[in-house]
Amino acid sequence: MRIMLINKSDFVESNILCQSIIKNFDETSDMQIWIYDFKDLYDQINIEPKGLPGIANSHHDGIKYEYISKFHDLYSIKKMKYSNDI
């Protein structure tokens, strides 16, 4: 079951989590494990209409949650780069 962000506290909490993930990101980590570990979070913030590329659900009530957007970009890049290895 996919859980979506729906209220301000969901966005604030996810933004803080994404900030922490980005801060602790280590390029030398096993990317397959990193992608697996954060797949659920990515699925929560990813909006992907059928046949179109995904975008970050990083705006709520006129506020952009910067770290949600940055995490989405980082995850998308790593997933694309390492998807053949998974």
N, C-alpha and C. Protein backbone atom coordinates (compact mmCIF):
# COMPACT_ATOMS: atom_id res chain seq x y z
N MET A 1 0.83 -1.18 0.00
CA MET A 1 0.00 0.00 0.00
C MET A 1 0.88 1.25 0.00
N ARG A 2 0.62 2.14 -0.91
CA ARG A 2 1.41 3.36 -1.05
C ARG A 2 0.84 4.46 -0.15
N ILE A 3 1.68 5.05 0.69
CA ILE A 3 1.26 6.13 1.59
C ILE A 3 1.71 7.45 0.98
N MET A 4 0.77 8.35 0.79
CA MET A 4 1.09 9.66 0.21
C MET A 4 1.22 10.71 1.31
N LEU A 5 1.96 11.76 1.01
CA LEU A 5 2.06 12.90 1.90
C LEU A 5 0.80 13.74 1.70
N ILE A 6 0.08 14.06 2.79
CA ILE A 6 -1.18 14.77 2.60
C ILE A 6 -1.32 16.05 3.43
N ASN A 7 -0.56 16.18 4.50
CA ASN A 7 -0.72 17.40 5.30
C ASN A 7 0.65 18.00 5.62
N LYS A 8 0.63 19.18 6.20
CA LYS A 8 1.87 19.90 6.45
C LYS A 8 2.85 19.08 7.29
N SER A 9 2.36 18.43 8.33
CA SER A 9 3.27 17.66 9.19
C SER A 9 3.93 16.51 8.42
N ASP A 10 3.21 15.89 7.48
CA ASP A 10 3.82 14.84 6.64
C ASP A 10 4.98 15.41 5.83
N PHE A 11 4.76 16.59 5.25
CA PHE A 11 5.79 17.22 4.43
C PHE A 11 6.99 17.66 5.27
N VAL A 12 6.72 18.25 6.42
CA VAL A 12 7.82 18.71 7.29
C VAL A 12 8.65 17.52 7.75
N GLU A 13 7.98 16.47 8.19
CA GLU A 13 8.69 15.27 8.67
C GLU A 13 9.52 14.63 7.55
N SER A 14 8.93 14.51 6.36
CA SER A 14 9.66 13.92 5.23
C SER A 14 10.82 14.80 4.79
N ASN A 15 10.63 16.11 4.84
CA ASN A 15 11.70 17.03 4.47
C ASN A 15 12.90 16.89 5.41
N ILE A 16 12.63 16.77 6.69
CA ILE A 16 13.70 16.59 7.68
C ILE A 16 14.42 15.25 7.43
N LEU A 17 13.66 14.20 7.18
CA LEU A 17 14.25 12.89 6.90
C LEU A 17 15.11 12.95 5.65
N CYS A 18 14.60 13.58 4.60
CA CYS A 18 15.37 13.70 3.35
C CYS A 18 16.65 14.50 3.56
N GLN A 19 16.57 15.55 4.36
CA GLN A 19 17.76 16.34 4.67
C GLN A 19 18.82 15.47 5.34
N SER A 20 18.40 14.66 6.28
CA SER A 20 19.33 13.78 6.99
C SER A 20 19.94 12.74 6.04
N ILE A 21 19.13 12.18 5.17
CA ILE A 21 19.63 11.19 4.21
C ILE A 21 20.67 11.82 3.29
N ILE A 22 20.38 13.02 2.80
CA ILE A 22 21.32 13.71 1.91
C ILE A 22 22.61 14.04 2.66
N LYS A 23 22.48 14.52 3.88
CA LYS A 23 23.66 14.89 4.68
C LYS A 23 24.56 13.68 4.91
N ASN A 24 23.96 12.51 5.10
CA ASN A 24 24.73 11.31 5.40
C ASN A 24 25.04 10.46 4.18
N PHE A 25 24.68 10.96 3.01
CA PHE A 25 24.91 10.20 1.78
C PHE A 25 26.40 10.01 1.56
N ASP A 26 26.77 8.78 1.22
CA ASP A 26 28.16 8.43 0.97
C ASP A 26 28.24 7.76 -0.39
N GLU A 27 28.89 8.41 -1.33
CA GLU A 27 29.02 7.91 -2.70
C GLU A 27 29.68 6.53 -2.75
N THR A 28 30.45 6.20 -1.71
CA THR A 28 31.14 4.91 -1.70
C THR A 28 30.28 3.79 -1.12
N SER A 29 29.06 4.12 -0.70
CA SER A 29 28.16 3.10 -0.16
C SER A 29 27.73 2.14 -1.26
N ASP A 30 27.26 1.00 -0.85
CA ASP A 30 26.69 0.04 -1.81
C ASP A 30 25.36 0.63 -2.28
N MET A 31 25.32 1.09 -3.52
CA MET A 31 24.14 1.79 -4.05
C MET A 31 22.93 0.89 -4.15
N GLN A 32 23.13 -0.39 -4.39
CA GLN A 32 21.99 -1.31 -4.44
C GLN A 32 21.27 -1.33 -3.10
N ILE A 33 22.03 -1.38 -2.02
CA ILE A 33 21.44 -1.38 -0.67
C ILE A 33 20.80 -0.03 -0.38
N TRP A 34 21.48 1.06 -0.73
CA TRP A 34 20.96 2.41 -0.50
C TRP A 34 19.62 2.58 -1.22
N ILE A 35 19.55 2.17 -2.48
CA ILE A 35 18.31 2.28 -3.25
C ILE A 35 17.21 1.45 -2.60
N TYR A 36 17.52 0.26 -2.19
CA TYR A 36 16.54 -0.61 -1.54
C TYR A 36 16.06 0.01 -0.22
N ASP A 37 17.00 0.52 0.58
CA ASP A 37 16.66 1.07 1.89
C ASP A 37 15.71 2.27 1.81
N PHE A 38 15.81 3.06 0.75
CA PHE A 38 15.02 4.28 0.67
C PHE A 38 13.93 4.24 -0.39
N LYS A 39 13.63 3.04 -0.90
CA LYS A 39 12.60 2.88 -1.92
C LYS A 39 11.23 3.33 -1.41
N ASP A 40 10.86 2.95 -0.21
CA ASP A 40 9.54 3.32 0.31
C ASP A 40 9.38 4.84 0.41
N LEU A 41 10.42 5.51 0.89
CA LEU A 41 10.36 6.97 0.97
C LEU A 41 10.22 7.57 -0.42
N TYR A 42 11.01 7.08 -1.36
CA TYR A 42 10.93 7.57 -2.74
C TYR A 42 9.52 7.36 -3.30
N ASP A 43 8.95 6.20 -3.06
CA ASP A 43 7.61 5.92 -3.55
C ASP A 43 6.57 6.87 -2.95
N GLN A 44 6.77 7.29 -1.72
CA GLN A 44 5.85 8.23 -1.07
C GLN A 44 5.89 9.61 -1.72
N ILE A 45 7.05 10.03 -2.17
CA ILE A 45 7.19 11.40 -2.68
C ILE A 45 7.19 11.48 -4.20
N ASN A 46 7.14 10.33 -4.87
CA ASN A 46 7.20 10.30 -6.33
C ASN A 46 5.80 10.32 -6.93
N ILE A 47 5.60 11.23 -7.87
CA ILE A 47 4.36 11.26 -8.65
C ILE A 47 4.76 10.88 -10.07
N GLU A 48 4.19 9.78 -10.55
CA GLU A 48 4.60 9.29 -11.87
C GLU A 48 3.37 8.84 -12.67
N PRO A 49 2.79 9.78 -13.41
CA PRO A 49 1.67 9.39 -14.27
C PRO A 49 2.13 8.34 -15.29
N LYS A 50 1.26 7.44 -15.61
CA LYS A 50 1.60 6.34 -16.52
C LYS A 50 2.22 6.87 -17.81
N GLY A 51 3.41 6.35 -18.13
CA GLY A 51 4.09 6.71 -19.36
C GLY A 51 4.90 7.99 -19.29
N LEU A 52 4.90 8.66 -18.15
CA LEU A 52 5.64 9.91 -18.01
C LEU A 52 6.71 9.76 -16.92
N PRO A 53 7.75 10.59 -16.97
CA PRO A 53 8.76 10.53 -15.91
C PRO A 53 8.19 11.01 -14.57
N GLY A 54 8.77 10.51 -13.51
CA GLY A 54 8.33 10.88 -12.18
C GLY A 54 8.79 12.28 -11.78
N ILE A 55 8.00 12.92 -10.92
CA ILE A 55 8.37 14.21 -10.34
C ILE A 55 8.17 14.13 -8.83
N ALA A 56 8.84 15.01 -8.12
CA ALA A 56 8.76 15.02 -6.66
C ALA A 56 7.49 15.73 -6.20
N ASN A 57 6.81 15.13 -5.25
CA ASN A 57 5.69 15.76 -4.58
C ASN A 57 6.29 16.57 -3.43
N SER A 58 6.83 17.75 -3.77
CA SER A 58 7.60 18.52 -2.79
C SER A 58 6.98 19.88 -2.47
N HIS A 59 5.75 20.11 -2.91
CA HIS A 59 5.06 21.37 -2.64
C HIS A 59 3.75 21.10 -1.89
N HIS A 60 3.49 21.95 -0.90
CA HIS A 60 2.24 21.84 -0.15
C HIS A 60 1.86 23.21 0.36
N ASP A 61 0.65 23.63 0.06
CA ASP A 61 0.13 24.93 0.50
C ASP A 61 1.08 26.08 0.16
N GLY A 62 1.65 26.05 -1.03
CA GLY A 62 2.51 27.13 -1.50
C GLY A 62 3.94 27.09 -0.98
N ILE A 63 4.29 26.04 -0.27
CA ILE A 63 5.65 25.90 0.29
C ILE A 63 6.36 24.80 -0.46
N LYS A 64 7.59 25.08 -0.89
CA LYS A 64 8.42 24.04 -1.50
C LYS A 64 9.33 23.45 -0.43
N TYR A 65 9.28 22.14 -0.30
CA TYR A 65 10.12 21.43 0.65
C TYR A 65 11.36 20.97 -0.10
N GLU A 66 12.40 21.76 0.05
CA GLU A 66 13.62 21.65 -0.75
C GLU A 66 14.28 20.28 -0.66
N TYR A 67 14.37 19.71 0.53
CA TYR A 67 15.09 18.45 0.67
C TYR A 67 14.32 17.26 0.11
N ILE A 68 13.00 17.35 0.09
CA ILE A 68 12.22 16.31 -0.58
C ILE A 68 12.59 16.31 -2.06
N SER A 69 12.62 17.50 -2.64
CA SER A 69 12.98 17.63 -4.06
C SER A 69 14.40 17.14 -4.33
N LYS A 70 15.33 17.53 -3.48
CA LYS A 70 16.73 17.12 -3.66
C LYS A 70 16.91 15.61 -3.50
N PHE A 71 16.23 15.02 -2.51
CA PHE A 71 16.31 13.57 -2.33
C PHE A 71 15.73 12.86 -3.55
N HIS A 72 14.60 13.34 -4.04
CA HIS A 72 13.98 12.74 -5.22
C HIS A 72 14.95 12.74 -6.40
N ASP A 73 15.61 13.86 -6.61
CA ASP A 73 16.58 13.95 -7.71
C ASP A 73 17.74 12.97 -7.51
N LEU A 74 18.30 12.95 -6.30
CA LEU A 74 19.42 12.05 -6.00
C LEU A 74 19.02 10.59 -6.18
N TYR A 75 17.88 10.23 -5.63
CA TYR A 75 17.42 8.85 -5.74
C TYR A 75 17.18 8.46 -7.19
N SER A 76 16.52 9.34 -7.94
CA SER A 76 16.23 9.07 -9.35
C SER A 76 17.50 8.82 -10.15
N ILE A 77 18.50 9.65 -9.91
CA ILE A 77 19.78 9.52 -10.62
C ILE A 77 20.46 8.19 -10.26
N LYS A 78 20.52 7.90 -8.97
CA LYS A 78 21.17 6.66 -8.53
C LYS A 78 20.40 5.43 -8.99
N LYS A 79 19.09 5.50 -8.95
CA LYS A 79 18.28 4.37 -9.40
C LYS A 79 18.51 4.11 -10.89
N MET A 80 18.55 5.17 -11.68
CA MET A 80 18.78 5.01 -13.11
C MET A 80 20.18 4.44 -13.38
N LYS A 81 21.15 4.97 -12.68
CA LYS A 81 22.54 4.56 -12.89
C LYS A 81 22.78 3.11 -12.48
N TYR A 82 22.16 2.69 -11.40
CA TYR A 82 22.44 1.37 -10.84
C TYR A 82 21.32 0.37 -11.07
N SER A 83 20.30 0.72 -11.85
CA SER A 83 19.16 -0.18 -12.05
C SER A 83 19.55 -1.48 -12.73
N ASN A 84 20.54 -1.44 -13.56
CA ASN A 84 21.00 -2.66 -14.23
C ASN A 84 21.66 -3.63 -13.27
N ASP A 85 22.12 -3.09 -12.13
CA ASP A 85 22.81 -3.93 -11.15
C ASP A 85 21.87 -4.56 -10.15
N ILE A 86 20.61 -4.12 -10.15
CA ILE A 86 19.66 -4.59 -9.12
C ILE A 86 18.92 -5.83 -9.59
